[in-house]
Amino acid sequence: MELIDREELKAKMDRGDDFKLVNTLGELAFEGMHIPGSINIHSPKRMLNDLDPEDEIVVYCSDPLCPASLMAYHLLAKHGFKHVRRYAGGLSDWAEAGYPLKGALVERS
């Protein structure tokens, strides 16, 4: 499994690298909180239809124990997506660093 840590992910975002940052949680969780610039795809069928196998993709969910990004990573790899990485730390790791978050839960605090 190819992983990416938060510092490398933040650097990619700051440089404006061309990649898809995919939040793999459900729609309500995404609306509550997500990393700015990410898209929400939690359905396996939609993931395979909406993403290009040639794209560079980073999948993430809530924390290292959350299985959603793990399952998404394996699904994409199994279907020939060659440039997939998992940000295992997810939202909890991102928030711990004090990096920006978007969503209804963030805007209330």
PDB file of N, CA and C in Angstrom:
ATOM      1  N   MET A   1       0.848  -1.178   0.000  1.00  0.00           N
ATOM      2  CA  MET A   1       0.000   0.000   0.000  1.00  0.00           C
ATOM      3  C   MET A   1       0.890   1.237   0.000  1.00  0.00           C
ATOM      4  N   GLU A   2       0.584   2.145  -0.901  1.00  0.00           N
ATOM      5  CA  GLU A   2       1.297   3.412  -0.992  1.00  0.00           C
ATOM      6  C   GLU A   2       0.635   4.424  -0.062  1.00  0.00           C
ATOM      7  N   LEU A   3       1.410   4.978   0.849  1.00  0.00           N
ATOM      8  CA  LEU A   3       0.898   5.951   1.807  1.00  0.00           C
ATOM      9  C   LEU A   3       1.477   7.335   1.527  1.00  0.00           C
ATOM     10  N   ILE A   4       0.784   8.344   2.040  1.00  0.00           N
ATOM     11  CA  ILE A   4       1.279   9.711   2.019  1.00  0.00           C
ATOM     12  C   ILE A   4       1.047  10.279   3.414  1.00  0.00           C
ATOM     13  N   ASP A   5       2.026  11.006   3.935  1.00  0.00           N
ATOM     14  CA  ASP A   5       1.835  11.593   5.267  1.00  0.00           C
ATOM     15  C   ASP A   5       1.315  13.027   5.123  1.00  0.00           C
ATOM     16  N   ARG A   6       0.927  13.620   6.246  1.00  0.00           N
ATOM     17  CA  ARG A   6       0.266  14.928   6.168  1.00  0.00           C
ATOM     18  C   ARG A   6       1.187  16.014   5.641  1.00  0.00           C
ATOM     19  N   GLU A   7       2.476  15.948   5.946  1.00  0.00           N
ATOM     20  CA  GLU A   7       3.386  17.000   5.485  1.00  0.00           C
ATOM     21  C   GLU A   7       3.542  16.943   3.965  1.00  0.00           C
ATOM     22  N   GLU A   8       3.652  15.752   3.422  1.00  0.00           N
ATOM     23  CA  GLU A   8       3.757  15.622   1.966  1.00  0.00           C
ATOM     24  C   GLU A   8       2.451  16.037   1.289  1.00  0.00           C
ATOM     25  N   LEU A   9       1.320  15.649   1.883  1.00  0.00           N
ATOM     26  CA  LEU A   9       0.026  16.040   1.332  1.00  0.00           C
ATOM     27  C   LEU A   9      -0.124  17.556   1.365  1.00  0.00           C
ATOM     28  N   LYS A  10       0.203  18.181   2.481  1.00  0.00           N
ATOM     29  CA  LYS A  10       0.099  19.639   2.601  1.00  0.00           C
ATOM     30  C   LYS A  10       0.996  20.323   1.576  1.00  0.00           C
ATOM     31  N   ALA A  11       2.204  19.806   1.384  1.00  0.00           N
ATOM     32  CA  ALA A  11       3.134  20.383   0.404  1.00  0.00           C
ATOM     33  C   ALA A  11       2.569  20.275  -1.014  1.00  0.00           C
ATOM     34  N   LYS A  12       1.959  19.138  -1.341  1.00  0.00           N
ATOM     35  CA  LYS A  12       1.337  18.958  -2.667  1.00  0.00           C
ATOM     36  C   LYS A  12       0.229  19.986  -2.866  1.00  0.00           C
ATOM     37  N   MET A  13      -0.567  20.183  -1.834  1.00  0.00           N
ATOM     38  CA  MET A  13      -1.662  21.141  -1.924  1.00  0.00           C
ATOM     39  C   MET A  13      -1.130  22.568  -2.064  1.00  0.00           C
ATOM     40  N   ASP A  14      -0.126  22.899  -1.273  1.00  0.00           N
ATOM     41  CA  ASP A  14       0.454  24.244  -1.310  1.00  0.00           C
ATOM     42  C   ASP A  14       1.086  24.550  -2.670  1.00  0.00           C
ATOM     43  N   ARG A  15       1.674  23.539  -3.309  1.00  0.00           N
ATOM     44  CA  ARG A  15       2.281  23.720  -4.637  1.00  0.00           C
ATOM     45  C   ARG A  15       1.230  23.784  -5.743  1.00  0.00           C
ATOM     46  N   GLY A  16       0.016  23.314  -5.436  1.00  0.00           N
ATOM     47  CA  GLY A  16      -1.026  23.266  -6.460  1.00  0.00           C
ATOM     48  C   GLY A  16      -0.873  22.085  -7.396  1.00  0.00           C
ATOM     49  N   ASP A  17      -0.274  20.999  -6.908  1.00  0.00           N
ATOM     50  CA  ASP A  17      -0.119  19.792  -7.727  1.00  0.00           C
ATOM     51  C   ASP A  17      -1.474  19.312  -8.236  1.00  0.00           C
ATOM     52  N   ASP A  18      -1.459  18.711  -9.398  1.00  0.00           N
ATOM     53  CA  ASP A  18      -2.682  18.195 -10.018  1.00  0.00           C
ATOM     54  C   ASP A  18      -2.943  16.770  -9.522  1.00  0.00           C
ATOM     55  N   PHE A  19      -3.867  16.636  -8.584  1.00  0.00           N
ATOM     56  CA  PHE A  19      -4.256  15.325  -8.075  1.00  0.00           C
ATOM     57  C   PHE A  19      -5.661  15.421  -7.514  1.00  0.00           C
ATOM     58  N   LYS A  20      -6.299  14.262  -7.342  1.00  0.00           N
ATOM     59  CA  LYS A  20      -7.640  14.200  -6.770  1.00  0.00           C
ATOM     60  C   LYS A  20      -7.514  13.791  -5.310  1.00  0.00           C
ATOM     61  N   LEU A  21      -8.031  14.624  -4.422  1.00  0.00           N
ATOM     62  CA  LEU A  21      -8.067  14.318  -2.998  1.00  0.00           C
ATOM     63  C   LEU A  21      -9.488  13.860  -2.692  1.00  0.00           C
ATOM     64  N   VAL A  22      -9.634  12.577  -2.355  1.00  0.00           N
ATOM     65  CA  VAL A  22     -10.957  11.965  -2.233  1.00  0.00           C
ATOM     66  C   VAL A  22     -11.266  11.599  -0.790  1.00  0.00           C
ATOM     67  N   ASN A  23     -12.296  12.245  -0.258  1.00  0.00           N
ATOM     68  CA  ASN A  23     -12.830  11.901   1.055  1.00  0.00           C
ATOM     69  C   ASN A  23     -13.784  10.729   0.839  1.00  0.00           C
ATOM     70  N   THR A  24     -13.546   9.622   1.526  1.00  0.00           N
ATOM     71  CA  THR A  24     -14.307   8.397   1.295  1.00  0.00           C
ATOM     72  C   THR A  24     -15.409   8.171   2.321  1.00  0.00           C
ATOM     73  N   LEU A  25     -15.669   9.160   3.170  1.00  0.00           N
ATOM     74  CA  LEU A  25     -16.735   9.050   4.165  1.00  0.00           C
ATOM     75  C   LEU A  25     -18.088   9.335   3.523  1.00  0.00           C
ATOM     76  N   GLY A  26     -19.157   9.078   4.244  1.00  0.00           N
ATOM     77  CA  GLY A  26     -20.502   9.351   3.757  1.00  0.00           C
ATOM     78  C   GLY A  26     -20.728  10.843   3.547  1.00  0.00           C
ATOM     79  N   GLU A  27     -21.797  11.154   2.836  1.00  0.00           N
ATOM     80  CA  GLU A  27     -22.118  12.530   2.469  1.00  0.00           C
ATOM     81  C   GLU A  27     -22.274  13.453   3.684  1.00  0.00           C
ATOM     82  N   LEU A  28     -22.976  12.995   4.703  1.00  0.00           N
ATOM     83  CA  LEU A  28     -23.183  13.830   5.894  1.00  0.00           C
ATOM     84  C   LEU A  28     -21.872  14.121   6.615  1.00  0.00           C
ATOM     85  N   ALA A  29     -21.025  13.123   6.717  1.00  0.00           N
ATOM     86  CA  ALA A  29     -19.726  13.323   7.356  1.00  0.00           C
ATOM     87  C   ALA A  29     -18.889  14.315   6.558  1.00  0.00           C
ATOM     88  N   PHE A  30     -18.927  14.210   5.228  1.00  0.00           N
ATOM     89  CA  PHE A  30     -18.192  15.133   4.371  1.00  0.00           C
ATOM     90  C   PHE A  30     -18.704  16.563   4.555  1.00  0.00           C
ATOM     91  N   GLU A  31     -20.028  16.723   4.576  1.00  0.00           N
ATOM     92  CA  GLU A  31     -20.600  18.059   4.759  1.00  0.00           C
ATOM     93  C   GLU A  31     -20.233  18.634   6.121  1.00  0.00           C
ATOM     94  N   GLY A  32     -20.054  17.754   7.109  1.00  0.00           N
ATOM     95  CA  GLY A  32     -19.674  18.198   8.441  1.00  0.00           C
ATOM     96  C   GLY A  32     -18.242  18.681   8.508  1.00  0.00           C
ATOM     97  N   MET A  33     -17.321  17.951   7.857  1.00  0.00           N
ATOM     98  CA  MET A  33     -15.912  18.318   7.928  1.00  0.00           C
ATOM     99  C   MET A  33     -15.123  17.598   6.844  1.00  0.00           C
ATOM    100  N   HIS A  34     -14.289  18.348   6.148  1.00  0.00           N
ATOM    101  CA  HIS A  34     -13.400  17.764   5.142  1.00  0.00           C
ATOM    102  C   HIS A  34     -12.202  18.678   4.903  1.00  0.00           C
ATOM    103  N   ILE A  35     -11.191  18.140   4.276  1.00  0.00           N
ATOM    104  CA  ILE A  35     -10.011  18.918   3.908  1.00  0.00           C
ATOM    105  C   ILE A  35     -10.380  19.760   2.684  1.00  0.00           C
ATOM    106  N   PRO A  36     -10.110  21.061   2.723  1.00  0.00           N
ATOM    107  CA  PRO A  36     -10.443  21.916   1.577  1.00  0.00           C
ATOM    108  C   PRO A  36      -9.851  21.371   0.274  1.00  0.00           C
ATOM    109  N   GLY A  37     -10.648  21.441  -0.782  1.00  0.00           N
ATOM    110  CA  GLY A  37     -10.198  20.962  -2.086  1.00  0.00           C
ATOM    111  C   GLY A  37     -10.516  19.505  -2.347  1.00  0.00           C
ATOM    112  N   SER A  38     -11.005  18.805  -1.330  1.00  0.00           N
ATOM    113  CA  SER A  38     -11.311  17.389  -1.541  1.00  0.00           C
ATOM    114  C   SER A  38     -12.710  17.218  -2.124  1.00  0.00           C
ATOM    115  N   ILE A  39     -12.894  16.083  -2.768  1.00  0.00           N
ATOM    116  CA  ILE A  39     -14.194  15.701  -3.296  1.00  0.00           C
ATOM    117  C   ILE A  39     -14.690  14.505  -2.488  1.00  0.00           C
ATOM    118  N   ASN A  40     -15.987  14.315  -2.463  1.00  0.00           N
ATOM    119  CA  ASN A  40     -16.572  13.226  -1.682  1.00  0.00           C
ATOM    120  C   ASN A  40     -17.090  12.143  -2.615  1.00  0.00           C
ATOM    121  N   ILE A  41     -16.458  10.978  -2.531  1.00  0.00           N
ATOM    122  CA  ILE A  41     -16.927   9.811  -3.276  1.00  0.00           C
ATOM    123  C   ILE A  41     -16.851   8.622  -2.331  1.00  0.00           C
ATOM    124  N   HIS A  42     -18.004   8.095  -1.943  1.00  0.00           N
ATOM    125  CA  HIS A  42     -17.997   6.966  -1.007  1.00  0.00           C
ATOM    126  C   HIS A  42     -18.594   5.709  -1.624  1.00  0.00           C
ATOM    127  N   SER A  43     -19.212   5.824  -2.777  1.00  0.00           N
ATOM    128  CA  SER A  43     -19.795   4.667  -3.459  1.00  0.00           C
ATOM    129  C   SER A  43     -18.751   4.010  -4.361  1.00  0.00           C
ATOM    130  N   PRO A  44     -18.530   2.701  -4.214  1.00  0.00           N
ATOM    131  CA  PRO A  44     -17.561   2.028  -5.084  1.00  0.00           C
ATOM    132  C   PRO A  44     -17.870   2.217  -6.577  1.00  0.00           C
ATOM    133  N   LYS A  45     -19.139   2.106  -6.939  1.00  0.00           N
ATOM    134  CA  LYS A  45     -19.514   2.261  -8.349  1.00  0.00           C
ATOM    135  C   LYS A  45     -19.170   3.661  -8.851  1.00  0.00           C
ATOM    136  N   ARG A  46     -19.521   4.658  -8.064  1.00  0.00           N
ATOM    137  CA  ARG A  46     -19.232   6.042  -8.457  1.00  0.00           C
ATOM    138  C   ARG A  46     -17.727   6.307  -8.504  1.00  0.00           C
ATOM    139  N   MET A  47     -16.996   5.693  -7.576  1.00  0.00           N
ATOM    140  CA  MET A  47     -15.554   5.858  -7.545  1.00  0.00           C
ATOM    141  C   MET A  47     -14.928   5.381  -8.858  1.00  0.00           C
ATOM    142  N   LEU A  48     -15.366   4.221  -9.310  1.00  0.00           N
ATOM    143  CA  LEU A  48     -14.826   3.659 -10.547  1.00  0.00           C
ATOM    144  C   LEU A  48     -15.277   4.453 -11.772  1.00  0.00           C
ATOM    145  N   ASN A  49     -16.484   5.014 -11.728  1.00  0.00           N
ATOM    146  CA  ASN A  49     -17.001   5.780 -12.868  1.00  0.00           C
ATOM    147  C   ASN A  49     -16.459   7.205 -12.923  1.00  0.00           C
ATOM    148  N   ASP A  50     -16.274   7.840 -11.773  1.00  0.00           N
ATOM    149  CA  ASP A  50     -15.939   9.262 -11.738  1.00  0.00           C
ATOM    150  C   ASP A  50     -14.446   9.562 -11.743  1.00  0.00           C
ATOM    151  N   LEU A  51     -13.628   8.584 -11.419  1.00  0.00           N
ATOM    152  CA  LEU A  51     -12.189   8.802 -11.377  1.00  0.00           C
ATOM    153  C   LEU A  51     -11.524   8.162 -12.591  1.00  0.00           C
ATOM    154  N   ASP A  52     -10.442   8.755 -13.017  1.00  0.00           N
ATOM    155  CA  ASP A  52      -9.689   8.252 -14.173  1.00  0.00           C
ATOM    156  C   ASP A  52      -8.520   7.403 -13.673  1.00  0.00           C
ATOM    157  N   PRO A  53      -8.337   6.212 -14.237  1.00  0.00           N
ATOM    158  CA  PRO A  53      -7.231   5.348 -13.794  1.00  0.00           C
ATOM    159  C   PRO A  53      -5.850   5.986 -13.941  1.00  0.00           C
ATOM    160  N   GLU A  54      -5.740   7.024 -14.750  1.00  0.00           N
ATOM    161  CA  GLU A  54      -4.448   7.698 -14.940  1.00  0.00           C
ATOM    162  C   GLU A  54      -4.236   8.854 -13.957  1.00  0.00           C
ATOM    163  N   ASP A  55      -5.299   9.258 -13.244  1.00  0.00           N
ATOM    164  CA  ASP A  55      -5.187  10.357 -12.286  1.00  0.00           C
ATOM    165  C   ASP A  55      -4.314   9.963 -11.099  1.00  0.00           C
ATOM    166  N   GLU A  56      -3.669  10.959 -10.520  1.00  0.00           N
ATOM    167  CA  GLU A  56      -3.032  10.768  -9.227  1.00  0.00           C
ATOM    168  C   GLU A  56      -4.132  10.996  -8.195  1.00  0.00           C
ATOM    169  N   ILE A  57      -4.314  10.031  -7.300  1.00  0.00           N
ATOM    170  CA  ILE A  57      -5.424  10.056  -6.348  1.00  0.00           C
ATOM    171  C   ILE A  57      -4.900   9.822  -4.942  1.00  0.00           C
ATOM    172  N   VAL A  58      -5.404  10.622  -4.005  1.00  0.00           N
ATOM    173  CA  VAL A  58      -5.133  10.405  -2.582  1.00  0.00           C
ATOM    174  C   VAL A  58      -6.492  10.215  -1.908  1.00  0.00           C
ATOM    175  N   VAL A  59      -6.662   9.074  -1.236  1.00  0.00           N
ATOM    176  CA  VAL A  59      -7.905   8.797  -0.522  1.00  0.00           C
ATOM    177  C   VAL A  59      -7.670   8.973   0.977  1.00  0.00           C
ATOM    178  N   TYR A  60      -8.710   9.454   1.677  1.00  0.00           N
ATOM    179  CA  TYR A  60      -8.616   9.608   3.121  1.00  0.00           C
ATOM    180  C   TYR A  60     -10.001   9.471   3.742  1.00  0.00           C
ATOM    181  N   CYS A  61     -10.011   9.238   5.059  1.00  0.00           N
ATOM    182  CA  CYS A  61     -11.265   9.216   5.820  1.00  0.00           C
ATOM    183  C   CYS A  61     -11.005   9.889   7.165  1.00  0.00           C
ATOM    184  N   SER A  62     -11.507   9.337   8.253  1.00  0.00           N
ATOM    185  CA  SER A  62     -11.440  10.062   9.521  1.00  0.00           C
ATOM    186  C   SER A  62     -10.142   9.885  10.315  1.00  0.00           C
ATOM    187  N   ASP A  63      -9.605   8.679  10.351  1.00  0.00           N
ATOM    188  CA  ASP A  63      -8.423   8.415  11.172  1.00  0.00           C
ATOM    189  C   ASP A  63      -7.797   7.097  10.740  1.00  0.00           C
ATOM    190  N   PRO A  64      -6.643   6.731  11.318  1.00  0.00           N
ATOM    191  CA  PRO A  64      -5.960   5.509  10.878  1.00  0.00           C
ATOM    192  C   PRO A  64      -6.788   4.228  11.014  1.00  0.00           C
ATOM    193  N   LEU A  65      -7.757   4.193  11.922  1.00  0.00           N
ATOM    194  CA  LEU A  65      -8.555   2.984  12.122  1.00  0.00           C
ATOM    195  C   LEU A  65      -9.795   2.921  11.226  1.00  0.00           C
ATOM    196  N   CYS A  66     -10.105   3.999  10.545  1.00  0.00           N
ATOM    197  CA  CYS A  66     -11.287   4.058   9.679  1.00  0.00           C
ATOM    198  C   CYS A  66     -11.047   3.202   8.434  1.00  0.00           C
ATOM    199  N   PRO A  67     -11.946   2.263   8.135  1.00  0.00           N
ATOM    200  CA  PRO A  67     -11.724   1.362   7.007  1.00  0.00           C
ATOM    201  C   PRO A  67     -12.112   1.937   5.637  1.00  0.00           C
ATOM    202  N   ALA A  68     -12.810   3.057   5.596  1.00  0.00           N
ATOM    203  CA  ALA A  68     -13.337   3.558   4.319  1.00  0.00           C
ATOM    204  C   ALA A  68     -12.233   3.836   3.299  1.00  0.00           C
ATOM    205  N   SER A  69     -11.180   4.532   3.702  1.00  0.00           N
ATOM    206  CA  SER A  69     -10.107   4.837   2.747  1.00  0.00           C
ATOM    207  C   SER A  69      -9.296   3.588   2.408  1.00  0.00           C
ATOM    208  N   LEU A  70      -9.192   2.686   3.354  1.00  0.00           N
ATOM    209  CA  LEU A  70      -8.500   1.419   3.108  1.00  0.00           C
ATOM    210  C   LEU A  70      -9.226   0.619   2.027  1.00  0.00           C
ATOM    211  N   MET A  71     -10.534   0.518   2.148  1.00  0.00           N
ATOM    212  CA  MET A  71     -11.328  -0.216   1.151  1.00  0.00           C
ATOM    213  C   MET A  71     -11.277   0.488  -0.201  1.00  0.00           C
ATOM    214  N   ALA A  72     -11.344   1.823  -0.189  1.00  0.00           N
ATOM    215  CA  ALA A  72     -11.283   2.580  -1.447  1.00  0.00           C
ATOM    216  C   ALA A  72      -9.936   2.366  -2.131  1.00  0.00           C
ATOM    217  N   TYR A  73      -8.863   2.392  -1.366  1.00  0.00           N
ATOM    218  CA  TYR A  73      -7.529   2.166  -1.918  1.00  0.00           C
ATOM    219  C   TYR A  73      -7.461   0.809  -2.624  1.00  0.00           C
ATOM    220  N   HIS A  74      -7.908  -0.223  -1.935  1.00  0.00           N
ATOM    221  CA  HIS A  74      -7.843  -1.574  -2.511  1.00  0.00           C
ATOM    222  C   HIS A  74      -8.765  -1.721  -3.724  1.00  0.00           C
ATOM    223  N   LEU A  75      -9.930  -1.114  -3.680  1.00  0.00           N
ATOM    224  CA  LEU A  75     -10.847  -1.159  -4.819  1.00  0.00           C
ATOM    225  C   LEU A  75     -10.192  -0.541  -6.051  1.00  0.00           C
ATOM    226  N   LEU A  76      -9.633   0.641  -5.885  1.00  0.00           N
ATOM    227  CA  LEU A  76      -9.010   1.319  -7.017  1.00  0.00           C
ATOM    228  C   LEU A  76      -7.797   0.548  -7.537  1.00  0.00           C
ATOM    229  N   ALA A  77      -6.961   0.066  -6.639  1.00  0.00           N
ATOM    230  CA  ALA A  77      -5.784  -0.699  -7.052  1.00  0.00           C
ATOM    231  C   ALA A  77      -6.187  -1.956  -7.811  1.00  0.00           C
ATOM    232  N   LYS A  78      -7.225  -2.625  -7.338  1.00  0.00           N
ATOM    233  CA  LYS A  78      -7.717  -3.846  -7.975  1.00  0.00           C
ATOM    234  C   LYS A  78      -8.222  -3.582  -9.403  1.00  0.00           C
ATOM    235  N   HIS A  79      -8.720  -2.370  -9.637  1.00  0.00           N
ATOM    236  CA  HIS A  79      -9.268  -2.025 -10.949  1.00  0.00           C
ATOM    237  C   HIS A  79      -8.285  -1.244 -11.820  1.00  0.00           C
ATOM    238  N   GLY A  80      -7.010  -1.355 -11.528  1.00  0.00           N
ATOM    239  CA  GLY A  80      -5.988  -0.821 -12.418  1.00  0.00           C
ATOM    240  C   GLY A  80      -5.605   0.629 -12.225  1.00  0.00           C
ATOM    241  N   PHE A  81      -6.051   1.253 -11.149  1.00  0.00           N
ATOM    242  CA  PHE A  81      -5.624   2.619 -10.860  1.00  0.00           C
ATOM    243  C   PHE A  81      -4.204   2.538 -10.307  1.00  0.00           C
ATOM    244  N   LYS A  82      -3.251   3.136 -11.015  1.00  0.00           N
ATOM    245  CA  LYS A  82      -1.841   2.946 -10.687  1.00  0.00           C
ATOM    246  C   LYS A  82      -1.247   4.020  -9.779  1.00  0.00           C
ATOM    247  N   HIS A  83      -1.909   5.152  -9.661  1.00  0.00           N
ATOM    248  CA  HIS A  83      -1.337   6.281  -8.921  1.00  0.00           C
ATOM    249  C   HIS A  83      -2.210   6.630  -7.718  1.00  0.00           C
ATOM    250  N   VAL A  84      -2.429   5.649  -6.852  1.00  0.00           N
ATOM    251  CA  VAL A  84      -3.295   5.838  -5.685  1.00  0.00           C
ATOM    252  C   VAL A  84      -2.450   5.768  -4.422  1.00  0.00           C
ATOM    253  N   ARG A  85      -2.715   6.698  -3.511  1.00  0.00           N
ATOM    254  CA  ARG A  85      -2.068   6.685  -2.209  1.00  0.00           C
ATOM    255  C   ARG A  85      -3.129   6.901  -1.144  1.00  0.00           C
ATOM    256  N   ARG A  86      -2.834   6.455   0.052  1.00  0.00           N
ATOM    257  CA  ARG A  86      -3.767   6.600   1.175  1.00  0.00           C
ATOM    258  C   ARG A  86      -3.156   7.529   2.213  1.00  0.00           C
ATOM    259  N   TYR A  87      -3.938   8.526   2.595  1.00  0.00           N
ATOM    260  CA  TYR A  87      -3.563   9.377   3.724  1.00  0.00           C
ATOM    261  C   TYR A  87      -4.234   8.759   4.939  1.00  0.00           C
ATOM    262  N   ALA A  88      -3.515   7.871   5.598  1.00  0.00           N
ATOM    263  CA  ALA A  88      -4.076   7.068   6.685  1.00  0.00           C
ATOM    264  C   ALA A  88      -4.471   7.911   7.894  1.00  0.00           C
ATOM    265  N   GLY A  89      -3.752   8.986   8.160  1.00  0.00           N
ATOM    266  CA  GLY A  89      -4.051   9.816   9.330  1.00  0.00           C
ATOM    267  C   GLY A  89      -5.412  10.481   9.255  1.00  0.00           C
ATOM    268  N   GLY A  90      -5.833  10.795   8.054  1.00  0.00           N
ATOM    269  CA  GLY A  90      -7.160  11.351   7.824  1.00  0.00           C
ATOM    270  C   GLY A  90      -7.429  12.659   8.546  1.00  0.00           C
ATOM    271  N   LEU A  91      -8.712  12.905   8.752  1.00  0.00           N
ATOM    272  CA  LEU A  91      -9.156  14.165   9.346  1.00  0.00           C
ATOM    273  C   LEU A  91      -8.555  14.420  10.725  1.00  0.00           C
ATOM    274  N   SER A  92      -8.436  13.394  11.543  1.00  0.00           N
ATOM    275  CA  SER A  92      -7.922  13.601  12.903  1.00  0.00           C
ATOM    276  C   SER A  92      -6.469  14.068  12.868  1.00  0.00           C
ATOM    277  N   ASP A  93      -5.662  13.482  12.007  1.00  0.00           N
ATOM    278  CA  ASP A  93      -4.253  13.864  11.881  1.00  0.00           C
ATOM    279  C   ASP A  93      -4.128  15.272  11.303  1.00  0.00           C
ATOM    280  N   TRP A  94      -4.948  15.586  10.315  1.00  0.00           N
ATOM    281  CA  TRP A  94      -4.939  16.897   9.674  1.00  0.00           C
ATOM    282  C   TRP A  94      -5.306  17.986  10.700  1.00  0.00           C
ATOM    283  N   ALA A  95      -6.362  17.737  11.463  1.00  0.00           N
ATOM    284  CA  ALA A  95      -6.817  18.693  12.477  1.00  0.00           C
ATOM    285  C   ALA A  95      -5.774  18.861  13.579  1.00  0.00           C
ATOM    286  N   GLU A  96      -5.127  17.773  13.962  1.00  0.00           N
ATOM    287  CA  GLU A  96      -4.098  17.814  15.007  1.00  0.00           C
ATOM    288  C   GLU A  96      -2.964  18.766  14.631  1.00  0.00           C
ATOM    289  N   ALA A  97      -2.671  18.858  13.331  1.00  0.00           N
ATOM    290  CA  ALA A  97      -1.606  19.746  12.863  1.00  0.00           C
ATOM    291  C   ALA A  97      -2.076  21.195  12.785  1.00  0.00           C
ATOM    292  N   GLY A  98      -3.381  21.405  12.967  1.00  0.00           N
ATOM    293  CA  GLY A  98      -3.922  22.762  12.877  1.00  0.00           C
ATOM    294  C   GLY A  98      -4.138  23.231  11.455  1.00  0.00           C
ATOM    295  N   TYR A  99      -4.150  22.289  10.506  1.00  0.00           N
ATOM    296  CA  TYR A  99      -4.358  22.645   9.104  1.00  0.00           C
ATOM    297  C   TYR A  99      -5.837  22.943   8.859  1.00  0.00           C
ATOM    298  N   PRO A 100      -6.132  23.725   7.817  1.00  0.00           N
ATOM    299  CA  PRO A 100      -7.516  24.146   7.581  1.00  0.00           C
ATOM    300  C   PRO A 100      -8.463  22.994   7.271  1.00  0.00           C
ATOM    301  N   LEU A 101      -9.691  23.163   7.746  1.00  0.00           N
ATOM    302  CA  LEU A 101     -10.783  22.231   7.477  1.00  0.00           C
ATOM    303  C   LEU A 101     -11.991  23.042   7.039  1.00  0.00           C
ATOM    304  N   LYS A 102     -12.873  22.417   6.286  1.00  0.00           N
ATOM    305  CA  LYS A 102     -14.111  23.060   5.855  1.00  0.00           C
ATOM    306  C   LYS A 102     -15.283  22.196   6.289  1.00  0.00           C
ATOM    307  N   GLY A 103     -16.464  22.808   6.347  1.00  0.00           N
ATOM    308  CA  GLY A 103     -17.673  22.055   6.645  1.00  0.00           C
ATOM    309  C   GLY A 103     -18.494  22.698   7.740  1.00  0.00           C
ATOM    310  N   ALA A 104     -19.704  22.206   7.903  1.00  0.00           N
ATOM    311  CA  ALA A 104     -20.663  22.768   8.851  1.00  0.00           C
ATOM    312  C   ALA A 104     -20.148  22.695  10.297  1.00  0.00           C
ATOM    313  N   LEU A 105     -19.480  21.636  10.667  1.00  0.00           N
ATOM    314  CA  LEU A 105     -18.983  21.503  12.042  1.00  0.00           C
ATOM    315  C   LEU A 105     -17.864  22.486  12.323  1.00  0.00           C
ATOM    316  N   VAL A 106     -17.058  22.770  11.342  1.00  0.00           N
ATOM    317  CA  VAL A 106     -15.934  23.687  11.496  1.00  0.00           C
ATOM    318  C   VAL A 106     -16.449  25.123  11.596  1.00  0.00           C
ATOM    319  N   GLU A 107     -17.452  25.438  10.792  1.00  0.00           N
ATOM    320  CA  GLU A 107     -17.974  26.796  10.745  1.00  0.00           C
ATOM    321  C   GLU A 107     -18.715  27.175  12.027  1.00  0.00           C
ATOM    322  N   ARG A 108     -19.203  26.182  12.769  1.00  0.00           N
ATOM    323  CA  ARG A 108     -19.909  26.445  14.027  1.00  0.00           C
ATOM    324  C   ARG A 108     -18.968  26.748  15.170  1.00  0.00           C
ATOM    325  N   SER A 109     -17.753  26.212  15.099  1.00  0.00           N
ATOM    326  CA  SER A 109     -16.852  26.369  16.248  1.00  0.00           C
ATOM    327  C   SER A 109     -16.224  27.734  16.347  1.00  0.00           C
TER     328      SER A 109
END
